[in-house]
Amino acid sequence: MSEGLIKTHLPPLASGLLFGAGLALGGMTDPARVRGFLDLFGDWDPTLAFVMGGAVIVMAIAWRFVPRMAHPLFSEKFALPDRNDLTPQLIGGAVLFGIGWGIAGLCPGPGFAVLGIAPKEALVFVACLLGGMLLHRLVFERG
């Protein structure tokens, strides 16, 4: 395998595996737990808040190093969002994401992680996710 291929594919693979392991360890591959977090006026489950809080702490520490770096470890430059990225399509997509997350109790990360744990339960979710991505490509990215 070439060095360039390893440099471009190994970091995302490793970070994705670490992310999936963290989701599984934190219980975020259980749709009932996620729905419990979203059920503010019922049997509320704060587990997701602790998982997100842990991620915020890690990123707060990591962001302290970014200004001192000339470029990311595995890229030529940083690709950071700005206010110009807030488009009606992004906001609409975020709304659809939230609705789907509330209905299924899964978002893409846990959905793919569940494929390794309980493939039958996750297969419909992942198939619909990929179908939605394909539909977006067909409708909005023609040309």
C-alpha atoms as a PDB file:
ATOM      1  CA  MET A   1       0.000   0.000   0.000  1.00  0.00           C
ATOM      2  CA  SER A   2       1.407   3.422  -0.895  1.00  0.00           C
ATOM      3  CA  GLU A   3       2.403   5.947   1.754  1.00  0.00           C
ATOM      4  CA  GLY A   4      -0.044   8.538   0.368  1.00  0.00           C
ATOM      5  CA  LEU A   5      -2.938   6.092   0.584  1.00  0.00           C
ATOM      6  CA  ILE A   6      -2.063   5.252   4.180  1.00  0.00           C
ATOM      7  CA  LYS A   7      -1.721   8.937   5.087  1.00  0.00           C
ATOM      8  CA  THR A   8      -5.106   9.810   3.574  1.00  0.00           C
ATOM      9  CA  HIS A   9      -7.149   6.769   4.665  1.00  0.00           C
ATOM     10  CA  LEU A  10      -5.680   5.539   7.955  1.00  0.00           C
ATOM     11  CA  PRO A  11      -6.386   8.669  10.092  1.00  0.00           C
ATOM     12  CA  PRO A  12     -10.106   8.822   9.166  1.00  0.00           C
ATOM     13  CA  LEU A  13     -10.442   5.062   9.656  1.00  0.00           C
ATOM     14  CA  ALA A  14      -8.738   5.203  13.057  1.00  0.00           C
ATOM     15  CA  SER A  15     -10.789   8.216  14.202  1.00  0.00           C
ATOM     16  CA  GLY A  16     -14.010   6.586  12.976  1.00  0.00           C
ATOM     17  CA  LEU A  17     -13.232   3.384  14.870  1.00  0.00           C
ATOM     18  CA  LEU A  18     -12.393   5.401  18.001  1.00  0.00           C
ATOM     19  CA  PHE A  19     -15.617   7.405  17.608  1.00  0.00           C
ATOM     20  CA  GLY A  20     -17.686   4.228  17.170  1.00  0.00           C
ATOM     21  CA  ALA A  21     -16.032   2.598  20.184  1.00  0.00           C
ATOM     22  CA  GLY A  22     -16.783   5.696  22.262  1.00  0.00           C
ATOM     23  CA  LEU A  23     -20.422   5.648  21.148  1.00  0.00           C
ATOM     24  CA  ALA A  24     -20.745   1.977  22.041  1.00  0.00           C
ATOM     25  CA  LEU A  25     -18.998   2.443  25.401  1.00  0.00           C
ATOM     26  CA  GLY A  26     -21.189   5.457  26.194  1.00  0.00           C
ATOM     27  CA  GLY A  27     -24.365   3.524  25.364  1.00  0.00           C
ATOM     28  CA  MET A  28     -25.241   5.751  22.415  1.00  0.00           C
ATOM     29  CA  THR A  29     -25.877   2.770  20.151  1.00  0.00           C
ATOM     30  CA  ASP A  30     -29.073   2.110  22.134  1.00  0.00           C
ATOM     31  CA  PRO A  31     -31.916   4.066  20.483  1.00  0.00           C
ATOM     32  CA  ALA A  32     -33.995   3.876  23.678  1.00  0.00           C
ATOM     33  CA  ARG A  33     -31.254   5.705  25.576  1.00  0.00           C
ATOM     34  CA  VAL A  34     -31.130   8.472  22.967  1.00  0.00           C
ATOM     35  CA  ARG A  35     -34.935   8.790  22.921  1.00  0.00           C
ATOM     36  CA  GLY A  36     -34.792   8.942  26.730  1.00  0.00           C
ATOM     37  CA  PHE A  37     -32.499  11.961  26.463  1.00  0.00           C
ATOM     38  CA  LEU A  38     -34.920  13.664  24.072  1.00  0.00           C
ATOM     39  CA  ASP A  39     -37.899  12.935  26.376  1.00  0.00           C
ATOM     40  CA  LEU A  40     -37.518  16.034  28.561  1.00  0.00           C
ATOM     41  CA  PHE A  41     -40.931  15.770  30.190  1.00  0.00           C
ATOM     42  CA  GLY A  42     -41.054  11.993  30.651  1.00  0.00           C
ATOM     43  CA  ASP A  43     -38.442   9.524  31.846  1.00  0.00           C
ATOM     44  CA  TRP A  44     -35.429  11.718  31.008  1.00  0.00           C
ATOM     45  CA  ASP A  45     -32.045   9.953  30.646  1.00  0.00           C
ATOM     46  CA  PRO A  46     -29.060  12.357  30.991  1.00  0.00           C
ATOM     47  CA  THR A  47     -26.476   9.866  29.639  1.00  0.00           C
ATOM     48  CA  LEU A  48     -26.182  11.602  26.262  1.00  0.00           C
ATOM     49  CA  ALA A  49     -25.485  14.927  28.002  1.00  0.00           C
ATOM     50  CA  PHE A  50     -22.499  13.341  29.755  1.00  0.00           C
ATOM     51  CA  VAL A  51     -21.217  11.819  26.500  1.00  0.00           C
ATOM     52  CA  MET A  52     -21.554  15.182  24.720  1.00  0.00           C
ATOM     53  CA  GLY A  53     -19.993  16.961  27.707  1.00  0.00           C
ATOM     54  CA  GLY A  54     -16.982  14.655  27.522  1.00  0.00           C
ATOM     55  CA  ALA A  55     -16.621  15.424  23.819  1.00  0.00           C
ATOM     56  CA  VAL A  56     -16.859  19.174  24.472  1.00  0.00           C
ATOM     57  CA  ILE A  57     -14.102  18.960  27.105  1.00  0.00           C
ATOM     58  CA  VAL A  58     -11.797  17.040  24.736  1.00  0.00           C
ATOM     59  CA  MET A  59     -12.425  19.534  21.919  1.00  0.00           C
ATOM     60  CA  ALA A  60     -11.969  22.545  24.222  1.00  0.00           C
ATOM     61  CA  ILE A  61      -8.495  21.234  25.055  1.00  0.00           C
ATOM     62  CA  ALA A  62      -7.726  20.392  21.411  1.00  0.00           C
ATOM     63  CA  TRP A  63      -8.770  23.861  20.192  1.00  0.00           C
ATOM     64  CA  ARG A  64      -6.132  25.418  22.476  1.00  0.00           C
ATOM     65  CA  PHE A  65      -3.463  23.804  20.256  1.00  0.00           C
ATOM     66  CA  VAL A  66      -4.899  24.834  16.863  1.00  0.00           C
ATOM     67  CA  PRO A  67      -3.636  28.452  16.821  1.00  0.00           C
ATOM     68  CA  ARG A  68      -0.077  27.196  17.376  1.00  0.00           C
ATOM     69  CA  MET A  69      -0.220  24.759  14.443  1.00  0.00           C
ATOM     70  CA  ALA A  70       0.873  25.772  10.936  1.00  0.00           C
ATOM     71  CA  HIS A  71      -1.401  23.073   9.436  1.00  0.00           C
ATOM     72  CA  PRO A  72      -3.247  19.945  10.569  1.00  0.00           C
ATOM     73  CA  LEU A  73      -1.231  16.756  10.992  1.00  0.00           C
ATOM     74  CA  PHE A  74      -2.779  15.016   7.989  1.00  0.00           C
ATOM     75  CA  SER A  75      -3.730  17.900   5.689  1.00  0.00           C
ATOM     76  CA  GLU A  76      -2.236  20.942   4.023  1.00  0.00           C
ATOM     77  CA  LYS A  77      -4.669  23.421   5.594  1.00  0.00           C
ATOM     78  CA  PHE A  78      -7.510  23.717   8.086  1.00  0.00           C
ATOM     79  CA  ALA A  79     -11.066  23.605   6.727  1.00  0.00           C
ATOM     80  CA  LEU A  80     -13.039  25.588   9.271  1.00  0.00           C
ATOM     81  CA  PRO A  81     -16.679  26.690   8.849  1.00  0.00           C
ATOM     82  CA  ASP A  82     -17.726  30.321   8.962  1.00  0.00           C
ATOM     83  CA  ARG A  83     -21.004  32.227   9.057  1.00  0.00           C
ATOM     84  CA  ASN A  84     -21.287  32.054   5.253  1.00  0.00           C
ATOM     85  CA  ASP A  85     -21.869  28.305   5.574  1.00  0.00           C
ATOM     86  CA  LEU A  86     -25.327  28.873   7.147  1.00  0.00           C
ATOM     87  CA  THR A  87     -27.597  28.309   4.169  1.00  0.00           C
ATOM     88  CA  PRO A  88     -31.293  27.425   4.048  1.00  0.00           C
ATOM     89  CA  GLN A  89     -30.263  23.939   2.845  1.00  0.00           C
ATOM     90  CA  LEU A  90     -27.985  23.469   5.877  1.00  0.00           C
ATOM     91  CA  ILE A  91     -30.694  24.627   8.280  1.00  0.00           C
ATOM     92  CA  GLY A  92     -33.321  22.458   6.553  1.00  0.00           C
ATOM     93  CA  GLY A  93     -30.955  19.498   6.687  1.00  0.00           C
ATOM     94  CA  ALA A  94     -30.366  20.093  10.393  1.00  0.00           C
ATOM     95  CA  VAL A  95     -34.123  20.112  11.004  1.00  0.00           C
ATOM     96  CA  LEU A  96     -34.565  16.857   9.049  1.00  0.00           C
ATOM     97  CA  PHE A  97     -31.607  15.357  10.934  1.00  0.00           C
ATOM     98  CA  GLY A  98     -33.183  16.249  14.286  1.00  0.00           C
ATOM     99  CA  ILE A  99     -36.565  14.827  13.306  1.00  0.00           C
ATOM    100  CA  GLY A 100     -34.976  11.593  12.089  1.00  0.00           C
ATOM    101  CA  TRP A 101     -32.819  11.371  15.209  1.00  0.00           C
ATOM    102  CA  GLY A 102     -35.874  11.743  17.416  1.00  0.00           C
ATOM    103  CA  ILE A 103     -37.871   9.132  15.484  1.00  0.00           C
ATOM    104  CA  ALA A 104     -35.126   6.520  15.086  1.00  0.00           C
ATOM    105  CA  GLY A 105     -33.096   7.266  18.201  1.00  0.00           C
ATOM    106  CA  LEU A 106     -30.001   7.032  16.007  1.00  0.00           C
ATOM    107  CA  CYS A 107     -27.861   9.408  14.023  1.00  0.00           C
ATOM    108  CA  PRO A 108     -25.311   8.351  11.401  1.00  0.00           C
ATOM    109  CA  GLY A 109     -22.406   7.612  13.775  1.00  0.00           C
ATOM    110  CA  PRO A 110     -24.331   5.319  16.128  1.00  0.00           C
ATOM    111  CA  GLY A 111     -26.284   3.929  13.168  1.00  0.00           C
ATOM    112  CA  PHE A 112     -23.109   2.617  11.566  1.00  0.00           C
ATOM    113  CA  ALA A 113     -21.750   1.492  14.949  1.00  0.00           C
ATOM    114  CA  VAL A 114     -24.928  -0.538  15.548  1.00  0.00           C
ATOM    115  CA  LEU A 115     -24.329  -2.304  12.216  1.00  0.00           C
ATOM    116  CA  GLY A 116     -21.485  -4.134  13.949  1.00  0.00           C
ATOM    117  CA  ILE A 117     -23.512  -4.909  17.077  1.00  0.00           C
ATOM    118  CA  ALA A 118     -27.056  -5.595  15.848  1.00  0.00           C
ATOM    119  CA  PRO A 119     -27.052  -5.512  12.041  1.00  0.00           C
ATOM    120  CA  LYS A 120     -30.702  -6.474  11.578  1.00  0.00           C
ATOM    121  CA  GLU A 121     -31.916  -3.545  13.683  1.00  0.00           C
ATOM    122  CA  ALA A 122     -29.578  -1.025  12.049  1.00  0.00           C
ATOM    123  CA  LEU A 123     -29.944  -2.146   8.454  1.00  0.00           C
ATOM    124  CA  VAL A 124     -33.203  -0.269   7.767  1.00  0.00           C
ATOM    125  CA  PHE A 125     -31.823   2.912   9.343  1.00  0.00           C
ATOM    126  CA  VAL A 126     -28.552   2.785   7.397  1.00  0.00           C
ATOM    127  CA  ALA A 127     -30.360   1.913   4.142  1.00  0.00           C
ATOM    128  CA  CYS A 128     -32.673   4.931   4.592  1.00  0.00           C
ATOM    129  CA  LEU A 129     -29.702   7.126   5.474  1.00  0.00           C
ATOM    130  CA  LEU A 130     -27.841   6.103   2.323  1.00  0.00           C
ATOM    131  CA  GLY A 131     -31.042   6.474   0.283  1.00  0.00           C
ATOM    132  CA  GLY A 132     -31.482  10.017   1.576  1.00  0.00           C
ATOM    133  CA  MET A 133     -27.887  10.835   0.663  1.00  0.00           C
ATOM    134  CA  LEU A 134     -28.437   9.454  -2.828  1.00  0.00           C
ATOM    135  CA  LEU A 135     -31.685  11.402  -3.203  1.00  0.00           C
ATOM    136  CA  HIS A 136     -29.895  14.611  -2.160  1.00  0.00           C
ATOM    137  CA  ARG A 137     -27.184  13.970  -4.716  1.00  0.00           C
ATOM    138  CA  LEU A 138     -29.753  13.350  -7.474  1.00  0.00           C
ATOM    139  CA  VAL A 139     -31.846  16.423  -6.641  1.00  0.00           C
ATOM    140  CA  PHE A 140     -29.288  19.046  -5.554  1.00  0.00           C
ATOM    141  CA  GLU A 141     -25.978  18.061  -7.084  1.00  0.00           C
ATOM    142  CA  ARG A 142     -26.939  17.564 -10.734  1.00  0.00           C
ATOM    143  CA  GLY A 143     -24.715  19.052 -13.342  1.00  0.00           C
END
